[in-house]
Amino acid sequence: MSLLQTITLSHTPSSHSVHVALYRNVKNSAFLEQQLLGGNSDYEYAFIDARVILSKVHVFASCFRAIVDQLSDKLRTRNVHSEIVFALSPNNNIRTAFRNFGITANTSSLLVIKIGDLTQSLSIRSHLEKVIEGDEIGFCDSALADIIDWSLVGRLYKLGNTRQDEGGNRKWQWEAEVDRKEAEMRVLSSIALRGMTN
């Protein structure tokens, strides 16, 4: 049974619904990355490293931003799916955004997003079941919390609360739920502000 979720965001048309699935233990990331980079239209999805996603709100903020940019003819990347990955980035460098937030050959926790009509849910579900070699899990905040790499998120968004371990490596550290909420607000602000300063 597929756990694909389909959501139509407020103030967006149903023709631009968000179809989203979350996977762990993905074994064919290199293949998926090759299809994406090769421009295979069957693989026109936003493939995102799930370790950098804080919450569902984080995902939907980047989706909303990309959908609005598409509807306004303001895409800076080649399609709405690559724009979602770009929207996650706090800076304006597209290549850096894909390197930091997109799929790589080593990605094992994968968030897959497809923007399409509300009625496409079954065909998207069927396609993902055929092409993703991994364990599908429910797309929810608790699942994302189990996957997140706080050290990576802290580095990418320059959140600041770091410490050094015995080897001198900088590590991102959380001590309370308040820190998580503050980080989410700072990350969401960076998405919104990057859009305002383009």
N, C-alpha and C. Protein backbone atom coordinates (compact mmCIF):
# COMPACT_ATOMS: atom_id res chain seq x y z
N MET A 1 0.83 -1.19 0.00
CA MET A 1 0.00 0.00 0.00
C MET A 1 0.88 1.25 0.00
N SER A 2 0.61 2.14 -0.90
CA SER A 2 1.38 3.37 -1.02
C SER A 2 0.95 4.39 0.02
N LEU A 3 1.90 5.15 0.52
CA LEU A 3 1.64 6.19 1.51
C LEU A 3 1.71 7.58 0.89
N LEU A 4 1.66 7.65 -0.44
CA LEU A 4 1.69 8.94 -1.13
C LEU A 4 0.56 9.83 -0.62
N GLN A 5 0.90 11.07 -0.32
CA GLN A 5 -0.10 12.05 0.10
C GLN A 5 -0.27 13.09 -0.99
N THR A 6 -1.50 13.53 -1.19
CA THR A 6 -1.79 14.58 -2.16
C THR A 6 -2.49 15.72 -1.44
N ILE A 7 -1.94 16.91 -1.61
CA ILE A 7 -2.45 18.10 -0.91
C ILE A 7 -2.55 19.24 -1.92
N THR A 8 -3.66 19.96 -1.88
CA THR A 8 -3.76 21.20 -2.65
C THR A 8 -3.57 22.33 -1.66
N LEU A 9 -2.51 23.08 -1.84
CA LEU A 9 -2.19 24.18 -0.92
C LEU A 9 -3.18 25.32 -1.10
N SER A 10 -3.44 26.04 -0.03
CA SER A 10 -4.31 27.21 -0.10
C SER A 10 -3.78 28.20 -1.12
N HIS A 11 -4.69 28.82 -1.84
CA HIS A 11 -4.37 29.85 -2.83
C HIS A 11 -3.62 29.31 -4.04
N THR A 12 -3.69 27.99 -4.26
CA THR A 12 -3.12 27.40 -5.47
C THR A 12 -4.20 26.55 -6.14
N PRO A 13 -4.16 26.43 -7.47
CA PRO A 13 -5.18 25.65 -8.17
C PRO A 13 -4.96 24.14 -7.99
N SER A 14 -6.03 23.36 -8.13
CA SER A 14 -5.92 21.91 -7.99
C SER A 14 -5.05 21.32 -9.10
N SER A 15 -4.85 22.05 -10.18
CA SER A 15 -3.94 21.59 -11.24
C SER A 15 -2.48 21.60 -10.77
N HIS A 16 -2.23 22.24 -9.65
CA HIS A 16 -0.89 22.32 -9.07
C HIS A 16 -0.87 21.71 -7.66
N SER A 17 -1.52 20.57 -7.52
CA SER A 17 -1.53 19.87 -6.23
C SER A 17 -0.14 19.29 -5.95
N VAL A 18 0.15 19.12 -4.67
CA VAL A 18 1.44 18.58 -4.23
C VAL A 18 1.25 17.11 -3.90
N HIS A 19 1.96 16.24 -4.63
CA HIS A 19 1.96 14.80 -4.37
C HIS A 19 3.31 14.50 -3.73
N VAL A 20 3.31 13.94 -2.53
CA VAL A 20 4.56 13.79 -1.79
C VAL A 20 4.66 12.41 -1.14
N ALA A 21 5.87 11.83 -1.20
CA ALA A 21 6.14 10.54 -0.58
C ALA A 21 7.53 10.60 0.06
N LEU A 22 7.70 9.82 1.12
CA LEU A 22 8.95 9.80 1.88
C LEU A 22 9.47 8.37 1.94
N TYR A 23 10.77 8.21 1.71
CA TYR A 23 11.40 6.89 1.67
C TYR A 23 12.65 6.86 2.53
N ARG A 24 12.91 5.67 3.09
CA ARG A 24 14.17 5.39 3.79
C ARG A 24 14.83 4.21 3.10
N ASN A 25 16.09 4.04 3.35
CA ASN A 25 16.85 2.90 2.81
C ASN A 25 16.75 2.79 1.30
N VAL A 26 16.83 3.93 0.62
CA VAL A 26 16.75 3.94 -0.84
C VAL A 26 18.05 3.37 -1.40
N LYS A 27 17.90 2.41 -2.32
CA LYS A 27 19.05 1.71 -2.86
C LYS A 27 19.41 2.14 -4.28
N ASN A 28 18.53 2.86 -4.97
CA ASN A 28 18.81 3.21 -6.36
C ASN A 28 18.90 4.72 -6.59
N SER A 29 19.45 5.43 -5.62
CA SER A 29 19.58 6.89 -5.75
C SER A 29 20.45 7.29 -6.93
N ALA A 30 21.50 6.54 -7.19
CA ALA A 30 22.38 6.88 -8.31
C ALA A 30 21.60 6.81 -9.62
N PHE A 31 20.78 5.80 -9.79
CA PHE A 31 19.96 5.67 -11.00
C PHE A 31 18.97 6.83 -11.11
N LEU A 32 18.30 7.15 -10.01
CA LEU A 32 17.33 8.25 -10.01
C LEU A 32 18.00 9.57 -10.36
N GLU A 33 19.18 9.80 -9.79
CA GLU A 33 19.92 11.02 -10.08
C GLU A 33 20.30 11.10 -11.56
N GLN A 34 20.72 9.97 -12.13
CA GLN A 34 21.07 9.94 -13.56
C GLN A 34 19.86 10.27 -14.43
N GLN A 35 18.70 9.72 -14.09
CA GLN A 35 17.50 9.99 -14.87
C GLN A 35 17.14 11.48 -14.80
N LEU A 36 17.26 12.03 -13.63
CA LEU A 36 16.95 13.45 -13.43
C LEU A 36 17.91 14.34 -14.21
N LEU A 37 19.20 14.07 -14.07
CA LEU A 37 20.21 14.87 -14.76
C LEU A 37 20.15 14.68 -16.27
N GLY A 38 19.72 13.50 -16.71
CA GLY A 38 19.59 13.22 -18.13
C GLY A 38 18.35 13.84 -18.76
N GLY A 39 17.51 14.44 -17.95
CA GLY A 39 16.31 15.09 -18.47
C GLY A 39 15.20 14.13 -18.85
N ASN A 40 15.20 12.93 -18.30
CA ASN A 40 14.15 11.95 -18.58
C ASN A 40 12.84 12.47 -17.99
N SER A 41 11.89 12.80 -18.85
CA SER A 41 10.63 13.42 -18.39
C SER A 41 9.80 12.50 -17.51
N ASP A 42 10.05 11.18 -17.58
CA ASP A 42 9.34 10.25 -16.69
C ASP A 42 9.77 10.44 -15.23
N TYR A 43 10.91 11.09 -15.03
CA TYR A 43 11.46 11.29 -13.68
C TYR A 43 11.44 12.77 -13.30
N GLU A 44 10.46 13.48 -13.81
CA GLU A 44 10.33 14.90 -13.48
C GLU A 44 9.64 15.03 -12.13
N TYR A 45 10.45 14.96 -11.09
CA TYR A 45 10.04 15.07 -9.70
C TYR A 45 11.04 15.98 -9.00
N ALA A 46 10.69 16.44 -7.82
CA ALA A 46 11.66 17.05 -6.93
C ALA A 46 12.16 15.92 -6.04
N PHE A 47 13.41 15.50 -6.24
CA PHE A 47 14.04 14.48 -5.42
C PHE A 47 14.91 15.22 -4.40
N ILE A 48 14.54 15.13 -3.13
CA ILE A 48 15.18 15.92 -2.08
C ILE A 48 15.78 15.01 -1.02
N ASP A 49 16.99 15.34 -0.58
CA ASP A 49 17.62 14.63 0.53
C ASP A 49 16.81 14.94 1.79
N ALA A 50 16.12 13.96 2.33
CA ALA A 50 15.20 14.19 3.45
C ALA A 50 15.93 14.59 4.74
N ARG A 51 17.23 14.42 4.80
CA ARG A 51 17.97 14.79 6.02
C ARG A 51 17.97 16.29 6.27
N VAL A 52 17.63 17.09 5.25
CA VAL A 52 17.67 18.54 5.40
C VAL A 52 16.29 19.16 5.59
N ILE A 53 15.28 18.32 5.77
CA ILE A 53 13.90 18.80 5.90
C ILE A 53 13.48 18.79 7.37
N LEU A 54 13.04 19.95 7.87
CA LEU A 54 12.66 20.08 9.27
C LEU A 54 11.24 19.62 9.55
N SER A 55 10.32 19.88 8.62
CA SER A 55 8.91 19.61 8.88
C SER A 55 8.11 19.64 7.59
N LYS A 56 6.85 19.26 7.70
CA LYS A 56 5.95 19.36 6.56
C LYS A 56 5.79 20.81 6.13
N VAL A 57 5.75 21.72 7.09
CA VAL A 57 5.62 23.15 6.77
C VAL A 57 6.81 23.60 5.92
N HIS A 58 8.00 23.14 6.25
CA HIS A 58 9.20 23.45 5.49
C HIS A 58 9.02 23.01 4.03
N VAL A 59 8.52 21.80 3.83
CA VAL A 59 8.28 21.28 2.48
C VAL A 59 7.24 22.12 1.76
N PHE A 60 6.12 22.36 2.42
CA PHE A 60 5.03 23.08 1.76
C PHE A 60 5.39 24.54 1.47
N ALA A 61 6.25 25.13 2.29
CA ALA A 61 6.70 26.51 2.02
C ALA A 61 7.49 26.56 0.71
N SER A 62 8.38 25.59 0.52
CA SER A 62 9.16 25.58 -0.72
C SER A 62 8.29 25.24 -1.92
N CYS A 63 7.31 24.34 -1.73
CA CYS A 63 6.38 24.01 -2.82
C CYS A 63 5.54 25.23 -3.19
N PHE A 64 5.02 25.92 -2.19
CA PHE A 64 4.19 27.09 -2.45
C PHE A 64 4.99 28.14 -3.22
N ARG A 65 6.20 28.37 -2.77
CA ARG A 65 7.08 29.35 -3.42
C ARG A 65 7.30 28.99 -4.89
N ALA A 66 7.58 27.70 -5.16
CA ALA A 66 7.84 27.25 -6.53
C ALA A 66 6.58 27.33 -7.40
N ILE A 67 5.44 26.95 -6.84
CA ILE A 67 4.18 27.01 -7.59
C ILE A 67 3.84 28.46 -7.96
N VAL A 68 3.97 29.35 -6.99
CA VAL A 68 3.69 30.77 -7.25
C VAL A 68 4.64 31.31 -8.32
N ASP A 69 5.91 30.94 -8.24
CA ASP A 69 6.87 31.38 -9.25
C ASP A 69 6.50 30.84 -10.63
N GLN A 70 6.04 29.58 -10.69
CA GLN A 70 5.64 29.03 -11.98
C GLN A 70 4.41 29.75 -12.54
N LEU A 71 3.42 29.94 -11.70
CA LEU A 71 2.19 30.60 -12.15
C LEU A 71 2.43 32.05 -12.54
N SER A 72 3.48 32.66 -11.99
CA SER A 72 3.83 34.06 -12.30
C SER A 72 4.88 34.16 -13.40
N ASP A 73 5.23 33.03 -14.02
CA ASP A 73 6.29 32.98 -15.04
C ASP A 73 7.60 33.56 -14.53
N LYS A 74 7.97 33.19 -13.30
CA LYS A 74 9.21 33.69 -12.70
C LYS A 74 10.15 32.56 -12.28
N LEU A 75 10.03 31.39 -12.91
CA LEU A 75 10.93 30.29 -12.57
C LEU A 75 12.36 30.67 -12.93
N ARG A 76 13.28 30.32 -12.04
CA ARG A 76 14.70 30.55 -12.32
C ARG A 76 15.39 29.25 -12.73
N THR A 77 14.69 28.14 -12.58
CA THR A 77 15.21 26.84 -12.99
C THR A 77 14.35 26.31 -14.13
N ARG A 78 14.61 25.09 -14.59
CA ARG A 78 13.93 24.64 -15.81
C ARG A 78 12.49 24.20 -15.62
N ASN A 79 12.09 23.85 -14.38
CA ASN A 79 10.69 23.46 -14.15
C ASN A 79 10.33 23.64 -12.67
N VAL A 80 9.06 23.43 -12.36
CA VAL A 80 8.58 23.66 -10.99
C VAL A 80 9.25 22.71 -10.00
N HIS A 81 9.62 21.51 -10.45
CA HIS A 81 10.23 20.54 -9.54
C HIS A 81 11.65 20.94 -9.14
N SER A 82 12.43 21.40 -10.09
CA SER A 82 13.76 21.89 -9.74
C SER A 82 13.66 23.19 -8.95
N GLU A 83 12.59 23.95 -9.19
CA GLU A 83 12.37 25.19 -8.44
C GLU A 83 12.09 24.90 -6.96
N ILE A 84 11.44 23.77 -6.67
CA ILE A 84 11.18 23.37 -5.27
C ILE A 84 12.51 23.16 -4.55
N VAL A 85 13.42 22.44 -5.19
CA VAL A 85 14.74 22.20 -4.58
C VAL A 85 15.47 23.53 -4.39
N PHE A 86 15.42 24.38 -5.40
CA PHE A 86 16.05 25.70 -5.32
C PHE A 86 15.43 26.55 -4.21
N ALA A 87 14.11 26.45 -4.05
CA ALA A 87 13.41 27.25 -3.03
C ALA A 87 13.84 26.88 -1.61
N LEU A 88 14.34 25.68 -1.40
CA LEU A 88 14.81 25.27 -0.08
C LEU A 88 16.09 26.00 0.33
N SER A 89 16.82 26.48 -0.64
CA SER A 89 18.13 27.07 -0.38
C SER A 89 18.03 28.50 0.16
N PRO A 90 18.87 28.84 1.13
CA PRO A 90 18.87 30.21 1.65
C PRO A 90 19.65 31.18 0.76
N ASN A 91 20.31 30.69 -0.30
CA ASN A 91 21.04 31.60 -1.17
C ASN A 91 20.57 31.47 -2.61
N ASN A 92 21.10 32.28 -3.49
CA ASN A 92 20.64 32.36 -4.88
C ASN A 92 21.46 31.54 -5.86
N ASN A 93 22.32 30.66 -5.40
CA ASN A 93 23.13 29.84 -6.28
C ASN A 93 22.40 28.53 -6.56
N ILE A 94 21.95 28.36 -7.80
CA ILE A 94 21.16 27.18 -8.16
C ILE A 94 21.97 25.90 -8.03
N ARG A 95 23.20 25.91 -8.51
CA ARG A 95 24.04 24.70 -8.44
C ARG A 95 24.27 24.28 -6.98
N THR A 96 24.54 25.25 -6.13
CA THR A 96 24.74 24.94 -4.70
C THR A 96 23.46 24.38 -4.09
N ALA A 97 22.32 24.92 -4.48
CA ALA A 97 21.04 24.42 -3.96
C ALA A 97 20.85 22.95 -4.31
N PHE A 98 21.14 22.58 -5.55
CA PHE A 98 20.98 21.17 -5.95
C PHE A 98 21.97 20.28 -5.22
N ARG A 99 23.20 20.74 -5.06
CA ARG A 99 24.21 19.95 -4.36
C ARG A 99 23.83 19.75 -2.89
N ASN A 100 23.29 20.78 -2.25
CA ASN A 100 23.00 20.71 -0.82
C ASN A 100 21.65 20.07 -0.49
N PHE A 101 20.66 20.23 -1.36
CA PHE A 101 19.30 19.80 -1.03
C PHE A 101 18.76 18.69 -1.93
N GLY A 102 19.37 18.50 -3.08
CA GLY A 102 18.86 17.51 -4.02
C GLY A 102 19.44 16.12 -3.80
N ILE A 103 18.96 15.19 -4.61
CA ILE A 103 19.41 13.81 -4.55
C ILE A 103 20.86 13.69 -5.01
N THR A 104 21.59 12.77 -4.39
CA THR A 104 22.94 12.40 -4.84
C THR A 104 22.97 10.88 -4.92
N ALA A 105 24.06 10.35 -5.43
CA ALA A 105 24.19 8.90 -5.54
C ALA A 105 24.16 8.22 -4.17
N ASN A 106 24.46 8.96 -3.11
CA ASN A 106 24.51 8.38 -1.76
C ASN A 106 23.27 8.64 -0.93
N THR A 107 22.26 9.28 -1.48
CA THR A 107 21.05 9.60 -0.72
C THR A 107 20.32 8.31 -0.33
N SER A 108 20.06 8.16 0.96
CA SER A 108 19.30 6.97 1.41
C SER A 108 17.93 7.34 1.97
N SER A 109 17.76 8.57 2.40
CA SER A 109 16.46 9.06 2.87
C SER A 109 16.00 10.10 1.85
N LEU A 110 14.89 9.81 1.19
CA LEU A 110 14.49 10.58 0.02
C LEU A 110 13.06 11.08 0.13
N LEU A 111 12.89 12.36 -0.11
CA LEU A 111 11.57 12.97 -0.21
C LEU A 111 11.30 13.20 -1.69
N VAL A 112 10.16 12.71 -2.16
CA VAL A 112 9.80 12.82 -3.58
C VAL A 112 8.55 13.67 -3.70
N ILE A 113 8.62 14.70 -4.54
CA ILE A 113 7.48 15.60 -4.73
C ILE A 113 7.18 15.73 -6.21
N LYS A 114 5.90 15.66 -6.53
CA LYS A 114 5.43 15.88 -7.90
C LYS A 114 4.31 16.90 -7.84
N ILE A 115 4.41 17.94 -8.65
CA ILE A 115 3.34 18.92 -8.77
C ILE A 115 2.52 18.53 -9.99
N GLY A 116 1.23 18.35 -9.77
CA GLY A 116 0.37 17.96 -10.88
C GLY A 116 -1.08 18.03 -10.47
N ASP A 117 -1.93 17.71 -11.41
CA ASP A 117 -3.36 17.75 -11.17
C ASP A 117 -3.75 16.79 -10.05
N LEU A 118 -4.76 17.17 -9.33
CA LEU A 118 -5.28 16.36 -8.23
C LEU A 118 -5.60 14.94 -8.69
N THR A 119 -6.03 14.79 -9.94
CA THR A 119 -6.44 13.48 -10.46
C THR A 119 -5.27 12.58 -10.81
N GLN A 120 -4.04 13.05 -10.76
CA GLN A 120 -2.87 12.25 -11.14
C GLN A 120 -2.34 11.36 -10.03
N SER A 121 -2.96 11.39 -8.89
CA SER A 121 -2.45 10.68 -7.72
C SER A 121 -2.19 9.19 -7.99
N LEU A 122 -3.12 8.51 -8.61
CA LEU A 122 -2.95 7.07 -8.85
C LEU A 122 -1.80 6.78 -9.80
N SER A 123 -1.65 7.56 -10.86
CA SER A 123 -0.56 7.30 -11.81
C SER A 123 0.80 7.62 -11.18
N ILE A 124 0.86 8.65 -10.37
CA ILE A 124 2.11 8.98 -9.67
C ILE A 124 2.46 7.88 -8.69
N ARG A 125 1.49 7.43 -7.93
CA ARG A 125 1.69 6.35 -6.96
C ARG A 125 2.23 5.10 -7.67
N SER A 126 1.60 4.74 -8.78
CA SER A 126 2.01 3.56 -9.53
C SER A 126 3.44 3.69 -10.05
N HIS A 127 3.77 4.86 -10.58
CA HIS A 127 5.12 5.07 -11.10
C HIS A 127 6.17 4.99 -9.99
N LEU A 128 5.90 5.61 -8.86
CA LEU A 128 6.87 5.58 -7.76
C LEU A 128 7.07 4.17 -7.22
N GLU A 129 6.00 3.39 -7.16
CA GLU A 129 6.12 2.01 -6.69
C GLU A 129 7.05 1.20 -7.60
N LYS A 130 7.07 1.53 -8.89
CA LYS A 130 7.92 0.81 -9.85
C LYS A 130 9.37 1.28 -9.83
N VAL A 131 9.61 2.55 -9.56
CA VAL A 131 10.96 3.08 -9.77
C VAL A 131 11.77 3.34 -8.51
N ILE A 132 11.14 3.45 -7.36
CA ILE A 132 11.90 3.72 -6.12
C ILE A 132 12.16 2.40 -5.41
N GLU A 133 13.43 2.09 -5.20
CA GLU A 133 13.82 0.90 -4.45
C GLU A 133 14.16 1.33 -3.02
N GLY A 134 13.17 1.30 -2.16
CA GLY A 134 13.36 1.73 -0.79
C GLY A 134 12.10 1.47 0.02
N ASP A 135 12.15 1.82 1.29
CA ASP A 135 11.02 1.60 2.19
C ASP A 135 10.23 2.89 2.31
N GLU A 136 8.98 2.87 1.83
CA GLU A 136 8.14 4.05 1.93
C GLU A 136 7.62 4.17 3.36
N ILE A 137 7.70 5.37 3.90
CA ILE A 137 7.19 5.64 5.24
C ILE A 137 6.23 6.82 5.16
N GLY A 138 5.43 6.99 6.17
CA GLY A 138 4.46 8.09 6.17
C GLY A 138 5.15 9.44 6.20
N PHE A 139 4.64 10.36 5.40
CA PHE A 139 5.16 11.72 5.37
C PHE A 139 4.52 12.50 6.51
N CYS A 140 5.25 12.60 7.62
CA CYS A 140 4.75 13.30 8.80
C CYS A 140 5.94 13.89 9.55
N ASP A 141 5.67 14.81 10.44
CA ASP A 141 6.74 15.48 11.17
C ASP A 141 7.57 14.52 12.02
N SER A 142 6.93 13.50 12.60
CA SER A 142 7.69 12.57 13.44
C SER A 142 8.65 11.73 12.59
N ALA A 143 8.24 11.34 11.39
CA ALA A 143 9.14 10.59 10.50
C ALA A 143 10.31 11.48 10.06
N LEU A 144 10.02 12.72 9.73
CA LEU A 144 11.07 13.66 9.34
C LEU A 144 12.04 13.90 10.50
N ALA A 145 11.52 13.96 11.72
CA ALA A 145 12.36 14.18 12.90
C ALA A 145 13.35 13.03 13.11
N ASP A 146 12.95 11.81 12.72
CA ASP A 146 13.83 10.66 12.85
C ASP A 146 14.95 10.66 11.80
N ILE A 147 14.73 11.38 10.72
CA ILE A 147 15.67 11.38 9.59
C ILE A 147 16.63 12.57 9.63
N ILE A 148 16.19 13.68 10.14
CA ILE A 148 16.93 14.95 10.02
C ILE A 148 18.36 14.85 10.56
N ASP A 149 19.26 15.51 9.87
CA ASP A 149 20.65 15.64 10.29
C ASP A 149 20.84 17.09 10.73
N TRP A 150 20.73 17.32 12.04
CA TRP A 150 20.77 18.69 12.56
C TRP A 150 22.09 19.38 12.28
N SER A 151 23.17 18.63 12.28
CA SER A 151 24.47 19.23 11.99
C SER A 151 24.48 19.78 10.56
N LEU A 152 23.94 19.01 9.63
CA LEU A 152 23.87 19.44 8.23
C LEU A 152 22.93 20.64 8.07
N VAL A 153 21.78 20.59 8.70
CA VAL A 153 20.82 21.71 8.63
C VAL A 153 21.45 22.98 9.20
N GLY A 154 22.13 22.86 10.34
CA GLY A 154 22.78 24.01 10.94
C GLY A 154 23.82 24.63 10.03
N ARG A 155 24.58 23.77 9.35
CA ARG A 155 25.61 24.27 8.42
C ARG A 155 24.98 24.93 7.20
N LEU A 156 23.97 24.29 6.60
CA LEU A 156 23.37 24.82 5.37
C LEU A 156 22.65 26.14 5.59
N TYR A 157 21.96 26.25 6.72
CA TYR A 157 21.19 27.47 6.99
C TYR A 157 21.93 28.45 7.90
N LYS A 158 23.18 28.11 8.27
CA LYS A 158 24.01 28.99 9.10
C LYS A 158 23.25 29.44 10.35
N LEU A 159 22.73 28.45 11.07
CA LEU A 159 21.90 28.76 12.23
C LEU A 159 22.72 29.13 13.45
N GLY A 160 23.96 28.67 13.56
CA GLY A 160 24.84 29.20 14.58
C GLY A 160 25.09 28.40 15.83
N ASN A 161 24.16 27.66 16.37
CA ASN A 161 24.36 26.93 17.62
C ASN A 161 25.21 25.69 17.37
N THR A 162 26.51 25.87 17.36
CA THR A 162 27.40 24.74 17.10
C THR A 162 28.35 24.55 18.27
N ARG A 163 28.91 23.38 18.32
CA ARG A 163 29.95 23.07 19.31
C ARG A 163 31.01 22.26 18.59
N GLN A 164 32.17 22.14 19.18
CA GLN A 164 33.22 21.32 18.60
C GLN A 164 33.33 20.03 19.38
N ASP A 165 33.46 18.91 18.63
CA ASP A 165 33.69 17.64 19.31
C ASP A 165 35.19 17.48 19.58
N GLU A 166 35.60 16.32 20.12
CA GLU A 166 36.99 16.11 20.49
C GLU A 166 37.93 16.24 19.29
N GLY A 167 37.45 15.92 18.10
CA GLY A 167 38.27 15.99 16.90
C GLY A 167 38.33 17.36 16.27
N GLY A 168 37.67 18.33 16.88
CA GLY A 168 37.66 19.69 16.35
C GLY A 168 36.61 19.93 15.28
N ASN A 169 35.76 18.92 15.05
CA ASN A 169 34.70 19.07 14.05
C ASN A 169 33.52 19.82 14.65
N ARG A 170 32.94 20.71 13.83
CA ARG A 170 31.77 21.47 14.30
C ARG A 170 30.53 20.59 14.19
N LYS A 171 29.75 20.54 15.24
CA LYS A 171 28.53 19.74 15.27
C LYS A 171 27.37 20.63 15.68
N TRP A 172 26.24 20.42 15.04
CA TRP A 172 25.02 21.14 15.38
C TRP A 172 24.36 20.39 16.53
N GLN A 173 23.91 21.10 17.54
CA GLN A 173 23.37 20.44 18.72
C GLN A 173 22.06 21.10 19.15
N TRP A 174 21.11 20.26 19.52
CA TRP A 174 19.81 20.73 20.02
C TRP A 174 19.62 20.24 21.44
N GLU A 175 19.09 21.13 22.27
CA GLU A 175 18.87 20.74 23.65
C GLU A 175 17.41 20.79 24.06
N ALA A 176 16.58 21.46 23.29
CA ALA A 176 15.17 21.59 23.69
C ALA A 176 14.28 21.76 22.47
N GLU A 177 13.01 21.43 22.63
CA GLU A 177 12.03 21.59 21.56
C GLU A 177 11.92 23.04 21.11
N VAL A 178 12.16 23.97 22.00
CA VAL A 178 12.11 25.40 21.65
C VAL A 178 13.12 25.69 20.54
N ASP A 179 14.31 25.06 20.63
CA ASP A 179 15.33 25.26 19.61
C ASP A 179 14.84 24.78 18.24
N ARG A 180 14.12 23.66 18.20
CA ARG A 180 13.59 23.15 16.94
C ARG A 180 12.63 24.15 16.31
N LYS A 181 11.74 24.67 17.12
CA LYS A 181 10.75 25.63 16.61
C LYS A 181 11.43 26.91 16.14
N GLU A 182 12.42 27.36 16.89
CA GLU A 182 13.16 28.56 16.49
C GLU A 182 13.89 28.32 15.17
N ALA A 183 14.52 27.16 15.04
CA ALA A 183 15.23 26.84 13.80
C ALA A 183 14.27 26.80 12.63
N GLU A 184 13.10 26.20 12.83
CA GLU A 184 12.12 26.14 11.74
C GLU A 184 11.71 27.54 11.31
N MET A 185 11.48 28.43 12.26
CA MET A 185 11.09 29.80 11.93
C MET A 185 12.21 30.51 11.16
N ARG A 186 13.44 30.28 11.57
CA ARG A 186 14.57 30.92 10.88
C ARG A 186 14.73 30.37 9.47
N VAL A 187 14.52 29.06 9.30
CA VAL A 187 14.63 28.45 7.98
C VAL A 187 13.51 28.95 7.07
N LEU A 188 12.29 28.98 7.59
CA LEU A 188 11.16 29.47 6.79
C LEU A 188 11.36 30.94 6.41
N SER A 189 11.90 31.71 7.33
CA SER A 189 12.19 33.12 7.03
C SER A 189 13.22 33.25 5.92
N SER A 190 14.22 32.37 5.94
CA SER A 190 15.25 32.45 4.90
C SER A 190 14.67 32.12 3.53
N ILE A 191 13.72 31.19 3.47
CA ILE A 191 13.05 30.87 2.20
C ILE A 191 12.27 32.09 1.72
N ALA A 192 11.51 32.68 2.61
CA ALA A 192 10.68 33.83 2.24
C ALA A 192 11.53 35.04 1.86
N LEU A 193 12.56 35.32 2.63
CA LEU A 193 13.38 36.50 2.37
C LEU A 193 14.21 36.36 1.10
N ARG A 194 14.68 35.15 0.82
CA ARG A 194 15.42 34.97 -0.43
C ARG A 194 14.52 35.33 -1.60
N GLY A 195 13.27 34.98 -1.52
CA GLY A 195 12.33 35.32 -2.58
C GLY A 195 12.08 36.80 -2.70
N MET A 196 12.14 37.51 -1.60
CA MET A 196 11.87 38.94 -1.62
C MET A 196 13.06 39.75 -2.12
N THR A 197 14.24 39.16 -2.08
CA THR A 197 15.43 39.92 -2.45
C THR A 197 15.95 39.56 -3.83
N ASN A 198 15.23 38.74 -4.58
CA ASN A 198 15.68 38.38 -5.93
C ASN A 198 15.59 39.56 -6.86
